[in-house]
Amino acid sequence: MAKKLVRSTQQKMLGGVCGGLAEYFDLDVSLVRLIFVGVALLTAILPMVLFYLIAWLVIPATSRQ
């Protein structure tokens, strides 16, 4: 079965985007959040905030089974 990118409902602080990316790439969620904050600081924050908001709307949430 192919991996699918979804927002995490278990590893979320705001929208679950970083948690979903961490699950997809098999990384620690704290590492993904640190990378996100680091890139946001380097790019003057606004582009990453826009990326996060768009990803929150586009990436589907995990379906509970």
N, C-alpha and C. Protein backbone atom coordinates (compact mmCIF):
# COMPACT_ATOMS: atom_id res chain seq x y z
N MET A 1 0.84 -1.18 0.00
CA MET A 1 0.00 0.00 0.00
C MET A 1 0.88 1.24 0.00
N ALA A 2 0.60 2.18 -0.86
CA ALA A 2 1.39 3.41 -0.97
C ALA A 2 1.09 4.34 0.21
N LYS A 3 2.13 5.08 0.61
CA LYS A 3 1.93 6.05 1.68
C LYS A 3 1.12 7.22 1.16
N LYS A 4 0.32 7.80 2.06
CA LYS A 4 -0.51 8.93 1.70
C LYS A 4 -0.28 10.03 2.72
N LEU A 5 -0.11 11.25 2.24
CA LEU A 5 0.09 12.39 3.13
C LEU A 5 -1.25 12.85 3.67
N VAL A 6 -1.38 12.80 5.00
CA VAL A 6 -2.58 13.26 5.69
C VAL A 6 -2.17 14.05 6.91
N ARG A 7 -3.05 14.94 7.36
CA ARG A 7 -2.80 15.67 8.60
C ARG A 7 -3.01 14.72 9.77
N SER A 8 -2.16 14.81 10.76
CA SER A 8 -2.24 13.94 11.92
C SER A 8 -3.29 14.45 12.90
N THR A 9 -4.07 13.52 13.44
CA THR A 9 -4.99 13.89 14.51
C THR A 9 -4.41 13.53 15.88
N GLN A 10 -3.34 12.74 15.89
CA GLN A 10 -2.70 12.34 17.13
C GLN A 10 -1.55 13.27 17.51
N GLN A 11 -0.74 13.68 16.54
CA GLN A 11 0.46 14.50 16.75
C GLN A 11 0.21 15.93 16.29
N LYS A 12 -0.80 16.58 16.82
CA LYS A 12 -1.08 17.92 16.34
C LYS A 12 -1.01 18.94 17.47
N MET A 13 -0.56 20.14 17.12
CA MET A 13 -0.58 21.26 18.04
C MET A 13 -1.56 22.31 17.53
N LEU A 14 -1.57 22.52 16.24
CA LEU A 14 -2.48 23.50 15.64
C LEU A 14 -3.38 22.79 14.63
N GLY A 15 -2.83 22.46 13.48
CA GLY A 15 -3.65 21.83 12.45
C GLY A 15 -3.23 20.41 12.11
N GLY A 16 -2.10 19.95 12.62
CA GLY A 16 -1.64 18.61 12.34
C GLY A 16 -0.79 18.48 11.10
N VAL A 17 -0.41 19.59 10.49
CA VAL A 17 0.38 19.55 9.26
C VAL A 17 1.78 19.00 9.54
N CYS A 18 2.47 19.51 10.53
CA CYS A 18 3.82 19.04 10.85
C CYS A 18 3.78 17.59 11.32
N GLY A 19 2.75 17.22 12.08
CA GLY A 19 2.61 15.83 12.51
C GLY A 19 2.40 14.90 11.33
N GLY A 20 1.61 15.32 10.38
CA GLY A 20 1.38 14.53 9.17
C GLY A 20 2.64 14.39 8.33
N LEU A 21 3.40 15.48 8.20
CA LEU A 21 4.66 15.41 7.46
C LEU A 21 5.65 14.49 8.16
N ALA A 22 5.69 14.54 9.49
CA ALA A 22 6.59 13.69 10.25
C ALA A 22 6.23 12.21 10.06
N GLU A 23 4.95 11.89 10.09
CA GLU A 23 4.53 10.51 9.87
C GLU A 23 4.84 10.05 8.45
N TYR A 24 4.65 10.92 7.48
CA TYR A 24 4.89 10.57 6.08
C TYR A 24 6.37 10.28 5.82
N PHE A 25 7.26 11.11 6.38
CA PHE A 25 8.69 10.95 6.16
C PHE A 25 9.37 10.12 7.25
N ASP A 26 8.62 9.54 8.17
CA ASP A 26 9.16 8.73 9.27
C ASP A 26 10.20 9.49 10.07
N LEU A 27 9.87 10.71 10.47
CA LEU A 27 10.74 11.55 11.27
C LEU A 27 10.06 11.86 12.59
N ASP A 28 10.85 12.34 13.55
CA ASP A 28 10.30 12.78 14.82
C ASP A 28 9.55 14.09 14.59
N VAL A 29 8.37 14.21 15.18
CA VAL A 29 7.54 15.39 14.96
C VAL A 29 8.22 16.65 15.51
N SER A 30 8.99 16.53 16.56
CA SER A 30 9.71 17.69 17.11
C SER A 30 10.74 18.21 16.12
N LEU A 31 11.41 17.30 15.42
CA LEU A 31 12.39 17.70 14.41
C LEU A 31 11.71 18.46 13.27
N VAL A 32 10.58 17.98 12.81
CA VAL A 32 9.85 18.64 11.72
C VAL A 32 9.40 20.04 12.17
N ARG A 33 8.94 20.15 13.41
CA ARG A 33 8.52 21.46 13.92
C ARG A 33 9.70 22.42 14.03
N LEU A 34 10.85 21.92 14.49
CA LEU A 34 12.04 22.78 14.58
C LEU A 34 12.49 23.24 13.19
N ILE A 35 12.47 22.35 12.22
CA ILE A 35 12.83 22.72 10.85
C ILE A 35 11.85 23.76 10.32
N PHE A 36 10.57 23.56 10.57
CA PHE A 36 9.54 24.51 10.13
C PHE A 36 9.79 25.90 10.72
N VAL A 37 10.04 25.96 12.03
CA VAL A 37 10.28 27.25 12.68
C VAL A 37 11.57 27.87 12.16
N GLY A 38 12.62 27.07 11.96
CA GLY A 38 13.89 27.59 11.43
C GLY A 38 13.72 28.19 10.05
N VAL A 39 13.03 27.49 9.18
CA VAL A 39 12.80 28.01 7.83
C VAL A 39 11.91 29.25 7.89
N ALA A 40 10.94 29.25 8.78
CA ALA A 40 10.06 30.42 8.91
C ALA A 40 10.86 31.64 9.34
N LEU A 41 11.78 31.47 10.26
CA LEU A 41 12.60 32.60 10.70
C LEU A 41 13.53 33.10 9.59
N LEU A 42 14.03 32.18 8.77
CA LEU A 42 14.92 32.57 7.68
C LEU A 42 14.19 33.26 6.53
N THR A 43 12.90 32.97 6.38
CA THR A 43 12.14 33.54 5.26
C THR A 43 11.19 34.64 5.69
N ALA A 44 11.45 35.23 6.81
CA ALA A 44 10.64 36.35 7.33
C ALA A 44 9.22 35.92 7.70
N ILE A 45 9.03 34.71 8.07
CA ILE A 45 7.82 34.12 8.66
C ILE A 45 6.61 34.05 7.71
N LEU A 46 6.28 35.10 7.01
CA LEU A 46 5.06 35.14 6.20
C LEU A 46 4.93 34.00 5.19
N PRO A 47 5.96 33.66 4.41
CA PRO A 47 5.79 32.55 3.45
C PRO A 47 5.45 31.22 4.12
N MET A 48 6.05 30.94 5.27
CA MET A 48 5.77 29.67 5.95
C MET A 48 4.39 29.68 6.57
N VAL A 49 3.94 30.81 7.04
CA VAL A 49 2.58 30.90 7.58
C VAL A 49 1.58 30.64 6.46
N LEU A 50 1.82 31.22 5.30
CA LEU A 50 0.94 30.97 4.15
C LEU A 50 0.98 29.50 3.73
N PHE A 51 2.20 28.91 3.70
CA PHE A 51 2.33 27.50 3.37
C PHE A 51 1.53 26.64 4.35
N TYR A 52 1.65 26.93 5.65
CA TYR A 52 0.96 26.14 6.67
C TYR A 52 -0.56 26.25 6.50
N LEU A 53 -1.05 27.46 6.29
CA LEU A 53 -2.49 27.65 6.14
C LEU A 53 -3.03 26.93 4.89
N ILE A 54 -2.29 27.01 3.79
CA ILE A 54 -2.71 26.33 2.56
C ILE A 54 -2.66 24.82 2.75
N ALA A 55 -1.58 24.33 3.39
CA ALA A 55 -1.46 22.89 3.64
C ALA A 55 -2.58 22.41 4.56
N TRP A 56 -2.95 23.22 5.55
CA TRP A 56 -4.03 22.87 6.47
C TRP A 56 -5.35 22.69 5.71
N LEU A 57 -5.57 23.52 4.69
CA LEU A 57 -6.79 23.43 3.90
C LEU A 57 -6.75 22.30 2.87
N VAL A 58 -5.58 22.04 2.30
CA VAL A 58 -5.47 21.10 1.18
C VAL A 58 -5.28 19.66 1.64
N ILE A 59 -4.46 19.43 2.65
CA ILE A 59 -4.14 18.06 3.08
C ILE A 59 -5.31 17.54 3.92
N PRO A 60 -5.85 16.38 3.56
CA PRO A 60 -6.98 15.83 4.32
C PRO A 60 -6.54 15.32 5.69
N ALA A 61 -7.45 15.34 6.64
CA ALA A 61 -7.17 14.83 7.97
C ALA A 61 -7.20 13.30 7.96
N THR A 62 -6.56 12.70 8.94
CA THR A 62 -6.56 11.25 9.08
C THR A 62 -7.98 10.77 9.32
N SER A 63 -8.37 9.76 8.58
CA SER A 63 -9.71 9.19 8.79
C SER A 63 -9.62 8.15 9.90
N ARG A 64 -10.49 8.24 10.84
CA ARG A 64 -10.51 7.28 11.96
C ARG A 64 -11.19 6.00 11.52
N GLN A 65 -10.57 4.88 11.92
CA GLN A 65 -11.14 3.58 11.53
C GLN A 65 -11.43 2.75 12.75
